[in-house]
N, C-alpha and C. Protein backbone atom coordinates (compact mmCIF):
# COMPACT_ATOMS: atom_id res chain seq x y z
N MET A 1 -17.60 -60.58 0.46
CA MET A 1 -16.43 -60.72 0.27
C MET A 1 -15.72 -61.90 0.59
N THR A 2 -16.28 -62.42 1.01
CA THR A 2 -16.22 -63.91 2.40
C THR A 2 -15.42 -65.11 0.67
N ASP A 3 -16.46 -64.74 -0.55
CA ASP A 3 -15.61 -65.90 -1.13
C ASP A 3 -14.79 -65.53 -1.99
N ALA A 4 -13.80 -64.45 -1.84
CA ALA A 4 -13.28 -63.13 -2.76
C ALA A 4 -12.15 -64.42 -2.73
N ARG A 5 -11.53 -65.28 -1.58
CA ARG A 5 -10.11 -65.74 -1.64
C ARG A 5 -9.97 -67.22 -2.32
N THR A 6 -11.77 -67.50 -2.64
CA THR A 6 -11.73 -68.70 -3.08
C THR A 6 -11.73 -67.74 -5.27
N GLY A 7 -12.31 -66.56 -5.26
CA GLY A 7 -12.32 -66.48 -6.13
C GLY A 7 -13.58 -66.20 -7.33
N GLY A 8 -14.45 -66.14 -5.79
CA GLY A 8 -15.75 -66.18 -6.16
C GLY A 8 -16.34 -64.67 -6.42
N ALA A 9 -17.37 -64.19 -7.25
CA ALA A 9 -17.67 -63.04 -7.34
C ALA A 9 -19.68 -63.06 -7.27
N PRO A 10 -19.69 -61.46 -6.97
CA PRO A 10 -21.43 -61.83 -7.11
C PRO A 10 -21.52 -61.44 -8.07
N ALA A 11 -22.98 -62.44 -8.51
CA ALA A 11 -23.78 -61.91 -10.09
C ALA A 11 -24.20 -60.46 -9.89
N ASP A 12 -24.76 -60.15 -11.34
CA ASP A 12 -24.40 -58.70 -11.58
C ASP A 12 -25.26 -58.33 -11.08
N LEU A 13 -26.72 -59.46 -10.29
CA LEU A 13 -28.10 -58.96 -9.72
C LEU A 13 -27.71 -58.26 -8.41
N ALA A 14 -26.48 -58.74 -7.65
CA ALA A 14 -26.07 -58.73 -6.67
C ALA A 14 -24.87 -57.44 -6.48
N LEU A 15 -24.32 -56.63 -7.53
CA LEU A 15 -23.87 -55.67 -6.92
C LEU A 15 -24.30 -54.41 -6.26
N PRO A 16 -23.24 -54.19 -5.48
CA PRO A 16 -23.99 -53.01 -5.19
C PRO A 16 -24.46 -51.54 -5.91
N PRO A 17 -25.37 -51.14 -5.70
CA PRO A 17 -25.83 -49.93 -6.38
C PRO A 17 -25.05 -48.67 -7.38
N TYR A 18 -23.61 -48.53 -6.65
CA TYR A 18 -22.54 -47.52 -7.33
C TYR A 18 -22.08 -48.20 -8.41
N VAL A 19 -21.61 -49.70 -8.44
CA VAL A 19 -21.10 -50.39 -9.11
C VAL A 19 -21.77 -50.95 -10.27
N VAL A 20 -23.17 -50.85 -9.81
CA VAL A 20 -24.68 -50.86 -11.19
C VAL A 20 -24.40 -49.19 -11.86
N GLY A 21 -23.94 -47.82 -11.17
CA GLY A 21 -24.50 -46.93 -11.79
C GLY A 21 -23.12 -46.47 -12.47
N ILE A 22 -22.02 -47.30 -12.76
CA ILE A 22 -20.91 -47.23 -12.84
C ILE A 22 -20.72 -47.66 -14.20
N ARG A 23 -21.66 -49.02 -14.42
CA ARG A 23 -21.60 -49.51 -15.63
C ARG A 23 -22.72 -49.27 -16.37
N ASN A 24 -23.72 -48.59 -15.69
CA ASN A 24 -24.85 -47.84 -16.38
C ASN A 24 -24.32 -46.91 -17.18
N GLU A 25 -23.10 -46.25 -16.42
CA GLU A 25 -22.60 -44.53 -16.90
C GLU A 25 -21.74 -45.26 -18.38
N VAL A 26 -20.86 -46.10 -17.94
CA VAL A 26 -20.12 -46.33 -19.04
C VAL A 26 -21.08 -46.75 -20.28
N GLU A 27 -22.35 -47.76 -20.35
CA GLU A 27 -23.14 -47.77 -21.04
C GLU A 27 -23.38 -46.97 -21.96
N ARG A 28 -23.64 -45.79 -21.01
CA ARG A 28 -25.10 -45.03 -21.98
C ARG A 28 -23.86 -44.00 -22.70
N GLY A 29 -22.04 -43.81 -21.76
CA GLY A 29 -21.38 -42.88 -22.63
C GLY A 29 -21.08 -43.95 -23.74
N CYS A 30 -20.86 -45.00 -23.70
CA CYS A 30 -20.60 -45.68 -25.38
C CYS A 30 -21.65 -45.75 -26.03
N SER A 31 -22.28 -45.72 -25.64
CA SER A 31 -24.29 -45.72 -26.52
C SER A 31 -24.06 -44.07 -27.57
N ARG A 32 -23.96 -43.25 -26.37
CA ARG A 32 -23.82 -42.34 -26.91
C ARG A 32 -22.62 -41.74 -27.83
N LEU A 33 -21.91 -42.43 -27.88
CA LEU A 33 -20.77 -42.06 -28.95
C LEU A 33 -20.92 -42.66 -30.03
N ARG A 34 -21.17 -43.68 -30.46
CA ARG A 34 -22.13 -44.75 -31.44
C ARG A 34 -22.97 -43.72 -31.89
N ARG A 35 -23.72 -43.07 -31.46
CA ARG A 35 -25.07 -42.29 -31.84
C ARG A 35 -24.66 -41.08 -32.00
N GLU A 36 -23.54 -40.60 -31.49
CA GLU A 36 -22.47 -39.54 -32.67
C GLU A 36 -22.38 -39.93 -33.86
N LEU A 37 -21.37 -40.74 -33.93
CA LEU A 37 -20.61 -40.95 -34.95
C LEU A 37 -21.64 -41.20 -36.27
N LEU A 38 -23.02 -42.43 -35.96
CA LEU A 38 -23.71 -42.02 -36.82
C LEU A 38 -24.42 -41.06 -37.39
N HIS A 39 -25.12 -40.39 -36.48
CA HIS A 39 -25.51 -38.74 -36.49
C HIS A 39 -24.98 -38.28 -37.59
N GLY A 40 -22.83 -37.87 -37.26
CA GLY A 40 -22.43 -37.21 -37.49
C GLY A 40 -22.19 -37.83 -39.29
N ARG A 41 -21.96 -38.81 -39.08
CA ARG A 41 -21.58 -38.63 -40.18
C ARG A 41 -22.58 -39.91 -41.29
N SER A 42 -23.69 -39.61 -41.17
CA SER A 42 -25.09 -39.96 -41.58
C SER A 42 -24.73 -39.80 -43.36
N GLY A 43 -24.45 -38.32 -43.54
CA GLY A 43 -24.40 -37.53 -45.06
C GLY A 43 -23.43 -38.67 -45.76
N GLN A 44 -22.15 -39.02 -45.13
CA GLN A 44 -20.90 -40.04 -45.33
C GLN A 44 -21.31 -41.26 -45.99
N VAL A 45 -22.24 -42.25 -44.88
CA VAL A 45 -22.57 -42.95 -44.90
C VAL A 45 -23.56 -43.47 -45.49
N ALA A 46 -24.70 -42.23 -46.08
CA ALA A 46 -25.60 -42.55 -47.23
C ALA A 46 -24.84 -42.37 -48.72
N THR A 47 -23.29 -41.18 -48.24
CA THR A 47 -22.72 -41.34 -49.77
C THR A 47 -21.76 -42.93 -49.96
N ILE A 48 -21.24 -43.65 -49.09
CA ILE A 48 -21.23 -44.78 -48.47
C ILE A 48 -21.90 -46.56 -49.39
N HIS A 49 -23.19 -45.49 -48.78
CA HIS A 49 -24.19 -46.86 -49.67
C HIS A 49 -24.59 -46.01 -51.64
N SER A 50 -25.03 -45.41 -51.48
CA SER A 50 -24.80 -45.42 -53.09
C SER A 50 -23.83 -45.11 -53.56
N GLU A 51 -22.05 -45.42 -53.04
CA GLU A 51 -21.17 -45.63 -54.02
C GLU A 51 -21.41 -47.76 -54.11
N SER A 52 -21.68 -47.93 -53.04
CA SER A 52 -21.91 -49.21 -53.10
C SER A 52 -22.36 -49.68 -54.22
N VAL A 53 -23.49 -49.20 -54.72
CA VAL A 53 -24.17 -49.68 -55.37
C VAL A 53 -23.21 -49.72 -56.77
N ARG A 54 -22.64 -48.59 -56.97
CA ARG A 54 -22.53 -48.37 -58.00
C ARG A 54 -21.01 -48.93 -58.36
N VAL A 55 -20.72 -49.32 -56.95
CA VAL A 55 -19.51 -50.62 -57.51
C VAL A 55 -19.46 -52.24 -57.61
N VAL A 56 -20.91 -52.08 -56.75
CA VAL A 56 -21.21 -53.46 -57.06
C VAL A 56 -21.81 -53.44 -57.96
N THR A 57 -21.96 -52.68 -59.26
CA THR A 57 -23.21 -52.77 -60.72
C THR A 57 -21.91 -52.58 -61.55
N GLN A 58 -20.73 -52.09 -61.10
CA GLN A 58 -19.69 -51.85 -61.72
C GLN A 58 -18.86 -53.17 -62.02
N TYR A 59 -18.92 -54.11 -60.91
CA TYR A 59 -17.67 -55.59 -61.05
C TYR A 59 -19.09 -55.99 -60.82
N THR A 60 -19.94 -56.84 -60.34
CA THR A 60 -20.66 -57.82 -60.82
C THR A 60 -21.65 -57.96 -62.05
N LYS A 61 -22.44 -56.78 -62.31
CA LYS A 61 -23.48 -57.19 -62.99
C LYS A 61 -22.92 -56.64 -64.63
N ARG A 62 -22.21 -54.72 -64.82
CA ARG A 62 -21.19 -55.36 -65.87
C ARG A 62 -20.18 -56.06 -66.04
N GLY A 63 -19.34 -56.49 -65.36
CA GLY A 63 -18.20 -57.17 -65.30
C GLY A 63 -16.87 -56.28 -65.38
N ARG A 64 -16.92 -55.34 -65.38
CA ARG A 64 -15.90 -54.60 -65.69
C ARG A 64 -15.58 -53.63 -64.50
N PRO A 65 -13.99 -53.78 -64.15
CA PRO A 65 -13.44 -53.48 -63.15
C PRO A 65 -13.54 -52.05 -63.23
N ALA A 66 -13.49 -51.36 -61.97
CA ALA A 66 -13.32 -49.51 -62.32
C ALA A 66 -12.62 -49.24 -61.10
N PRO A 67 -11.08 -49.60 -61.33
CA PRO A 67 -10.31 -48.95 -60.47
C PRO A 67 -10.39 -47.45 -59.70
N ALA A 68 -10.49 -46.95 -60.65
CA ALA A 68 -10.94 -44.95 -59.99
C ALA A 68 -12.00 -45.11 -59.23
N ALA A 69 -12.86 -45.85 -59.66
CA ALA A 69 -14.31 -45.97 -58.87
C ALA A 69 -13.69 -46.62 -57.50
N LEU A 70 -13.68 -47.68 -57.55
CA LEU A 70 -12.99 -48.40 -56.11
C LEU A 70 -12.04 -47.56 -55.82
N ALA A 71 -11.14 -46.81 -55.95
CA ALA A 71 -10.46 -46.23 -55.08
C ALA A 71 -10.93 -44.98 -54.29
N ARG A 72 -12.19 -44.75 -55.14
CA ARG A 72 -12.67 -43.50 -54.71
C ARG A 72 -13.54 -43.65 -53.26
N TYR A 73 -14.11 -45.28 -53.71
CA TYR A 73 -14.88 -45.75 -52.51
C TYR A 73 -13.80 -46.16 -51.31
N GLY A 74 -12.84 -46.58 -51.52
CA GLY A 74 -11.73 -47.43 -50.50
C GLY A 74 -11.79 -45.83 -50.21
N ARG A 75 -11.41 -44.68 -50.59
CA ARG A 75 -11.26 -43.98 -49.58
C ARG A 75 -12.42 -43.30 -48.61
N MET A 76 -13.94 -42.88 -49.13
CA MET A 76 -14.19 -42.95 -47.77
C MET A 76 -14.13 -43.95 -46.72
N VAL A 77 -14.56 -44.96 -47.13
CA VAL A 77 -14.82 -46.24 -46.41
C VAL A 77 -13.57 -46.08 -45.49
N ALA A 78 -12.45 -45.60 -45.55
CA ALA A 78 -11.14 -45.21 -45.07
C ALA A 78 -11.56 -44.40 -43.97
N GLU A 79 -12.18 -43.19 -44.65
CA GLU A 79 -12.39 -41.71 -43.70
C GLU A 79 -13.73 -42.55 -42.49
N TRP A 80 -14.54 -42.95 -43.02
CA TRP A 80 -15.33 -43.65 -42.02
C TRP A 80 -14.74 -44.49 -40.95
N ARG A 81 -13.87 -45.89 -41.48
CA ARG A 81 -13.24 -45.78 -40.32
C ARG A 81 -12.37 -45.79 -39.44
N ASN A 82 -11.37 -44.63 -40.40
CA ASN A 82 -10.80 -43.73 -39.36
C ASN A 82 -11.73 -42.89 -38.30
N ALA A 83 -13.21 -42.51 -38.41
CA ALA A 83 -13.62 -41.75 -37.48
C ALA A 83 -14.74 -42.67 -36.68
N ALA A 84 -14.63 -43.84 -36.97
CA ALA A 84 -15.39 -44.37 -36.29
C ALA A 84 -14.06 -45.19 -35.23
N ASP A 85 -12.68 -45.20 -35.42
CA ASP A 85 -11.50 -45.64 -34.59
C ASP A 85 -11.03 -44.79 -33.94
N LEU A 86 -11.76 -43.89 -33.92
CA LEU A 86 -11.77 -42.47 -33.08
C LEU A 86 -12.70 -42.84 -32.23
N GLN A 87 -14.22 -42.82 -32.16
CA GLN A 87 -15.12 -42.84 -31.72
C GLN A 87 -14.46 -44.44 -30.23
N ARG A 88 -14.10 -45.36 -31.39
CA ARG A 88 -14.19 -46.94 -30.32
C ARG A 88 -12.68 -46.58 -29.19
N THR A 89 -12.11 -45.89 -29.48
CA THR A 89 -10.98 -45.27 -28.97
C THR A 89 -11.14 -44.89 -27.67
N ARG A 90 -12.22 -43.71 -27.69
CA ARG A 90 -13.39 -43.06 -26.72
C ARG A 90 -13.76 -44.35 -25.86
N ALA A 91 -14.60 -44.72 -26.83
CA ALA A 91 -15.38 -45.57 -25.70
C ALA A 91 -14.17 -46.55 -24.82
N GLN A 92 -13.83 -46.90 -25.55
CA GLN A 92 -12.37 -47.78 -24.74
C GLN A 92 -12.12 -46.88 -23.50
N GLU A 93 -11.34 -45.83 -23.90
CA GLU A 93 -11.33 -44.83 -22.64
C GLU A 93 -12.34 -44.43 -21.65
N LEU A 94 -13.93 -44.78 -21.62
CA LEU A 94 -14.48 -44.81 -20.81
C LEU A 94 -14.45 -46.35 -20.07
N VAL A 95 -14.37 -47.34 -20.94
CA VAL A 95 -14.53 -48.95 -20.48
C VAL A 95 -13.23 -48.41 -19.13
N ASP A 96 -12.52 -48.26 -19.68
CA ASP A 96 -10.88 -47.92 -19.02
C ASP A 96 -11.23 -46.99 -17.26
N GLU A 97 -12.06 -46.29 -17.61
CA GLU A 97 -12.11 -45.12 -16.45
C GLU A 97 -12.96 -45.72 -15.70
N GLY A 98 -13.71 -46.38 -15.94
CA GLY A 98 -15.47 -46.85 -15.30
C GLY A 98 -14.77 -48.22 -14.84
N ASN A 99 -13.58 -49.05 -15.29
CA ASN A 99 -13.28 -50.10 -14.79
C ASN A 99 -12.45 -49.85 -13.85
N GLN A 100 -11.48 -48.49 -13.62
CA GLN A 100 -10.33 -47.94 -12.62
C GLN A 100 -11.23 -47.55 -11.33
N LEU A 101 -12.22 -46.89 -11.42
CA LEU A 101 -13.64 -46.54 -10.51
C LEU A 101 -13.85 -47.23 -9.36
N LEU A 102 -14.24 -48.90 -10.80
CA LEU A 102 -14.57 -49.95 -10.11
C LEU A 102 -13.49 -50.66 -9.06
N ALA A 103 -12.41 -50.57 -9.54
CA ALA A 103 -11.44 -51.15 -8.67
C ALA A 103 -10.52 -50.34 -7.36
N CYS A 104 -11.27 -48.80 -7.36
CA CYS A 104 -10.91 -48.11 -6.10
C CYS A 104 -12.25 -48.10 -5.24
N TYR A 105 -13.36 -48.62 -5.58
CA TYR A 105 -14.34 -49.12 -4.88
C TYR A 105 -13.92 -49.93 -4.22
N TRP A 106 -13.59 -51.63 -5.20
CA TRP A 106 -13.95 -52.57 -4.63
C TRP A 106 -12.49 -52.41 -3.65
N ASP A 107 -11.49 -51.74 -3.84
CA ASP A 107 -10.05 -51.40 -2.60
C ASP A 107 -11.05 -51.11 -1.19
N ALA A 108 -11.56 -50.14 -1.62
CA ALA A 108 -11.78 -49.83 -0.30
C ALA A 108 -12.92 -50.21 0.21
N ALA A 109 -13.89 -51.25 -0.17
CA ALA A 109 -14.54 -51.97 0.54
C ALA A 109 -13.87 -53.60 1.23
N TRP A 110 -12.86 -54.18 0.39
CA TRP A 110 -11.79 -54.72 0.95
C TRP A 110 -11.73 -54.14 2.35
N GLN A 111 -10.58 -53.10 1.99
CA GLN A 111 -9.86 -52.62 3.63
C GLN A 111 -10.97 -52.47 4.54
N ARG A 112 -12.02 -51.73 4.56
CA ARG A 112 -13.46 -51.50 5.41
C ARG A 112 -13.44 -53.11 5.99
N GLY A 113 -13.95 -53.67 4.98
CA GLY A 113 -14.15 -55.19 5.18
C GLY A 113 -13.41 -55.86 6.28
N ARG A 114 -11.92 -55.35 5.54
CA ARG A 114 -10.73 -56.20 6.37
C ARG A 114 -10.64 -55.65 8.25
N ARG A 115 -10.89 -54.31 8.40
CA ARG A 115 -10.97 -53.59 9.18
C ARG A 115 -11.74 -53.95 10.40
N ARG A 116 -13.38 -54.96 9.92
CA ARG A 116 -14.14 -55.33 11.03
C ARG A 116 -13.40 -56.64 10.93
N THR A 117 -13.32 -57.28 10.89
CA THR A 117 -12.65 -59.25 11.14
C THR A 117 -11.39 -58.97 11.61
N VAL A 118 -10.46 -58.00 11.50
CA VAL A 118 -9.03 -58.30 11.84
C VAL A 118 -8.83 -56.83 12.86
N THR A 119 -8.48 -57.70 14.15
CA THR A 119 -8.19 -56.26 15.56
C THR A 119 -6.65 -56.11 15.62
N ASP A 120 -6.02 -57.12 14.36
CA ASP A 120 -4.68 -56.85 15.26
C ASP A 120 -4.12 -55.60 14.98
N ALA A 121 -2.93 -55.17 14.72
CA ALA A 121 -2.44 -53.82 14.74
C ALA A 121 -1.64 -54.20 13.36
N GLU A 122 -1.07 -55.01 13.55
CA GLU A 122 0.02 -55.78 12.01
C GLU A 122 -0.57 -55.51 10.63
N PRO A 123 0.28 -55.07 9.88
CA PRO A 123 -0.57 -55.26 8.66
C PRO A 123 0.10 -56.52 8.05
N ARG A 124 -1.42 -56.91 7.04
CA ARG A 124 -0.67 -58.65 6.75
C ARG A 124 -1.10 -58.64 5.05
N MET A 125 -0.26 -58.96 4.16
CA MET A 125 -0.67 -59.54 3.05
C MET A 125 -1.65 -59.80 2.45
N ASP A 126 -2.66 -60.39 3.21
CA ASP A 126 -4.30 -60.37 3.14
C ASP A 126 -4.66 -59.28 2.71
N GLU A 127 -4.42 -58.24 2.95
CA GLU A 127 -5.01 -57.16 3.72
C GLU A 127 -5.38 -55.97 1.98
N LEU A 128 -5.05 -56.31 1.25
CA LEU A 128 -5.11 -56.36 -0.38
C LEU A 128 -5.73 -57.46 -0.86
N ARG A 129 -6.94 -56.28 -2.17
CA ARG A 129 -8.18 -57.02 -2.87
C ARG A 129 -7.14 -58.22 -3.60
N PRO A 130 -7.73 -59.39 -3.07
CA PRO A 130 -7.01 -59.97 -4.60
C PRO A 130 -6.80 -59.63 -5.70
N ALA A 131 -5.68 -59.57 -6.49
CA ALA A 131 -6.22 -59.31 -7.87
C ALA A 131 -7.17 -59.89 -9.12
N GLY A 132 -7.23 -60.61 -8.80
CA GLY A 132 -8.12 -61.85 -10.19
C GLY A 132 -9.57 -61.07 -9.16
N TRP A 133 -9.71 -60.50 -7.95
CA TRP A 133 -11.51 -60.29 -7.62
C TRP A 133 -11.99 -58.59 -7.96
N LEU A 134 -12.58 -58.69 -9.22
CA LEU A 134 -13.01 -57.36 -9.23
C LEU A 134 -14.35 -57.09 -9.81
N PRO A 135 -15.28 -57.77 -9.04
CA PRO A 135 -16.71 -58.36 -9.48
C PRO A 135 -17.37 -56.18 -9.74
N GLY A 136 -18.11 -56.89 -11.57
CA GLY A 136 -18.81 -56.19 -12.09
C GLY A 136 -17.90 -55.53 -13.41
N THR A 137 -16.72 -55.88 -13.64
CA THR A 137 -15.86 -55.30 -14.44
C THR A 137 -16.17 -54.90 -15.99
N MET A 138 -15.89 -54.34 -16.58
CA MET A 138 -16.51 -54.05 -17.90
C MET A 138 -15.81 -54.15 -19.14
N ALA A 139 -16.35 -54.97 -20.80
CA ALA A 139 -15.35 -54.72 -21.27
C ALA A 139 -16.25 -54.17 -23.04
N LEU A 140 -15.59 -53.73 -23.76
CA LEU A 140 -16.16 -52.79 -24.37
C LEU A 140 -16.58 -53.54 -25.34
N ASP A 141 -17.90 -53.11 -26.05
CA ASP A 141 -19.20 -54.12 -25.99
C ASP A 141 -18.39 -54.35 -28.02
N PRO A 142 -18.13 -55.75 -28.29
CA PRO A 142 -17.65 -56.35 -29.42
C PRO A 142 -17.83 -55.24 -30.75
N THR A 143 -19.62 -54.98 -30.50
CA THR A 143 -20.00 -54.50 -32.15
C THR A 143 -18.68 -53.29 -32.47
N TRP A 144 -17.82 -52.86 -31.31
CA TRP A 144 -17.04 -51.90 -31.21
C TRP A 144 -15.86 -51.89 -32.22
N HIS A 145 -15.64 -53.08 -32.66
CA HIS A 145 -14.57 -53.91 -33.63
C HIS A 145 -14.94 -54.72 -35.01
N ARG A 146 -15.61 -54.31 -34.96
CA ARG A 146 -16.69 -54.76 -36.43
C ARG A 146 -17.67 -53.37 -37.07
N ILE A 147 -16.78 -52.76 -36.99
CA ILE A 147 -17.38 -50.76 -37.72
C ILE A 147 -18.28 -50.67 -38.89
N ASP A 148 -17.25 -51.66 -39.40
CA ASP A 148 -17.85 -51.73 -41.02
C ASP A 148 -19.24 -52.66 -41.31
N ASP A 149 -20.25 -53.41 -39.88
CA ASP A 149 -21.28 -53.78 -40.08
C ASP A 149 -22.28 -53.06 -39.65
N TRP A 150 -22.18 -51.36 -38.80
CA TRP A 150 -22.69 -50.04 -38.49
C TRP A 150 -22.90 -49.65 -40.04
N LEU A 151 -21.99 -49.52 -40.51
CA LEU A 151 -23.05 -49.56 -42.39
C LEU A 151 -23.99 -49.95 -42.69
N ASP A 152 -24.60 -51.86 -42.32
CA ASP A 152 -25.15 -51.93 -43.20
C ASP A 152 -26.57 -52.07 -41.91
N ALA A 153 -26.87 -51.07 -41.84
CA ALA A 153 -28.14 -50.66 -40.96
C ALA A 153 -29.37 -51.60 -41.60
N ASP A 154 -29.79 -52.17 -42.73
CA ASP A 154 -30.63 -52.69 -43.37
C ASP A 154 -30.73 -54.13 -42.56
N SER A 155 -29.86 -54.95 -42.77
CA SER A 155 -29.47 -56.57 -42.40
C SER A 155 -29.87 -56.08 -40.44
N TRP A 156 -30.01 -55.04 -39.61
CA TRP A 156 -30.47 -55.23 -38.40
C TRP A 156 -32.14 -55.70 -38.53
N TYR A 157 -32.85 -55.00 -39.57
CA TYR A 157 -34.16 -55.12 -39.65
C TYR A 157 -34.27 -56.20 -40.65
N ALA A 158 -34.02 -56.63 -41.95
CA ALA A 158 -34.08 -57.43 -42.85
C ALA A 158 -34.22 -58.77 -41.92
N GLU A 159 -35.67 -59.97 -43.15
CA GLU A 159 -35.62 -60.87 -42.60
C GLU A 159 -34.52 -61.68 -43.08
N ARG A 160 -34.59 -63.20 -42.51
CA ARG A 160 -32.74 -63.36 -42.65
C ARG A 160 -33.15 -64.43 -43.79
N GLY A 161 -32.62 -64.63 -44.89
CA GLY A 161 -32.35 -65.58 -45.96
C GLY A 161 -33.02 -64.76 -47.40
N ARG A 162 -33.30 -63.29 -46.85
CA ARG A 162 -34.46 -63.08 -47.93
C ARG A 162 -33.29 -62.85 -48.85
N ASP A 163 -32.43 -61.91 -48.99
CA ASP A 163 -31.67 -61.86 -50.39
C ASP A 163 -30.11 -62.57 -50.06
N GLU A 164 -29.89 -63.22 -50.78
CA GLU A 164 -28.75 -64.71 -50.83
C GLU A 164 -27.39 -63.84 -50.88
N THR A 165 -27.23 -62.39 -52.33
CA THR A 165 -26.63 -61.62 -52.35
C THR A 165 -26.16 -60.98 -51.40
N GLY A 166 -27.00 -60.25 -50.58
CA GLY A 166 -26.95 -59.01 -49.43
C GLY A 166 -26.66 -57.77 -49.53
N PRO A 167 -26.59 -56.84 -48.98
CA PRO A 167 -27.01 -55.24 -49.12
C PRO A 167 -25.98 -54.68 -49.78
N ALA A 168 -26.24 -54.34 -51.04
CA ALA A 168 -24.39 -53.36 -51.79
C ALA A 168 -23.77 -52.88 -51.09
N VAL A 169 -23.36 -52.59 -49.81
CA VAL A 169 -22.14 -52.36 -49.32
C VAL A 169 -21.94 -53.49 -48.93
N VAL A 170 -22.60 -54.35 -48.25
CA VAL A 170 -21.50 -55.74 -48.15
C VAL A 170 -20.69 -56.27 -48.93
N GLN A 171 -22.05 -56.44 -49.96
CA GLN A 171 -20.68 -56.84 -51.61
C GLN A 171 -19.93 -55.75 -51.95
N ALA A 172 -19.63 -54.18 -51.61
CA ALA A 172 -18.56 -53.54 -52.22
C ALA A 172 -17.51 -53.60 -51.14
N LEU A 173 -18.04 -53.84 -50.28
CA LEU A 173 -16.93 -53.85 -49.03
C LEU A 173 -16.16 -55.42 -49.30
N ALA A 174 -16.52 -56.23 -49.88
CA ALA A 174 -15.93 -57.55 -50.29
C ALA A 174 -15.05 -57.31 -51.29
N ILE A 175 -16.00 -56.63 -52.30
CA ILE A 175 -14.89 -56.48 -53.59
C ILE A 175 -13.56 -55.62 -53.11
N LEU A 176 -13.84 -54.73 -52.65
CA LEU A 176 -12.87 -53.59 -52.12
C LEU A 176 -11.85 -54.39 -51.14
N ARG A 177 -11.84 -55.44 -50.18
CA ARG A 177 -11.16 -56.36 -49.70
C ARG A 177 -10.27 -57.15 -50.93
N THR A 178 -11.28 -58.01 -52.19
CA THR A 178 -10.29 -58.65 -52.91
C THR A 178 -9.44 -58.14 -53.87
N GLN A 179 -10.01 -56.58 -53.92
CA GLN A 179 -9.79 -55.93 -55.02
C GLN A 179 -8.05 -55.19 -54.41
N GLN A 180 -8.00 -55.42 -53.08
CA GLN A 180 -6.72 -54.33 -53.16
C GLN A 180 -5.07 -54.88 -53.85
N PRO A 181 -4.73 -54.11 -53.80
CA PRO A 181 -2.87 -55.03 -54.41
C PRO A 181 -2.54 -56.00 -53.54
N GLY A 182 -1.83 -57.13 -54.12
CA GLY A 182 -1.84 -58.24 -52.55
C GLY A 182 -2.59 -58.74 -52.01
N ALA A 183 -3.61 -58.62 -52.52
CA ALA A 183 -5.04 -59.26 -51.45
C ALA A 183 -5.47 -59.96 -52.57
N THR A 184 -5.94 -61.75 -52.01
CA THR A 184 -6.32 -62.52 -52.68
C THR A 184 -7.79 -62.60 -52.11
N ALA A 185 -8.24 -63.54 -53.00
CA ALA A 185 -10.12 -64.05 -53.28
C ALA A 185 -11.01 -63.90 -51.07
N GLY A 186 -9.61 -64.76 -50.60
CA GLY A 186 -10.30 -65.42 -48.85
C GLY A 186 -9.93 -64.20 -48.09
N GLN A 187 -8.39 -63.15 -48.80
CA GLN A 187 -8.08 -62.21 -47.62
C GLN A 187 -8.41 -61.34 -47.29
N ARG A 188 -8.38 -60.96 -46.25
CA ARG A 188 -9.32 -59.86 -45.44
C ARG A 188 -8.37 -58.49 -45.32
N ALA A 189 -8.53 -56.98 -45.82
CA ALA A 189 -7.82 -55.94 -45.48
C ALA A 189 -7.72 -55.40 -44.32
């Protein structure tokens, strides 16, 4: 805590066991939410994969747009995104709760450290933990903000550069983005 006034914070390896435990619990909770989403929506994911092949075949192989098929596909993807967004919100809640516990822990540790070093009876301004000093804080895993990537499970195992066109689900999502009303070729939905 002596480095706190200068903005220093301990490295992750030097974090107290309580802080490491909170961090691990939050990571496990976020992983559990991801697993529940993928397991609970496995049928929907399989349907999205099969419909992706149909959309890609219709639009790229046959060259004939099929707005009704694309609308059905868009609905499936929207349902997936809504379910994933709900889980992402829950994961963010876990991270926020963990960070709140860490803030309480560090506030108490700061006060305990100050009591040991200061014998004055008068309160001082520097008795509070510096606002920017919160070692071990957590942020939501960035993959939670790219939930469509979870639909492309094949790319996790595929060799890089194996297929230039990419999996059907990636191509179908690109078609969905570019075929929406008012969208241009480079615009994301």
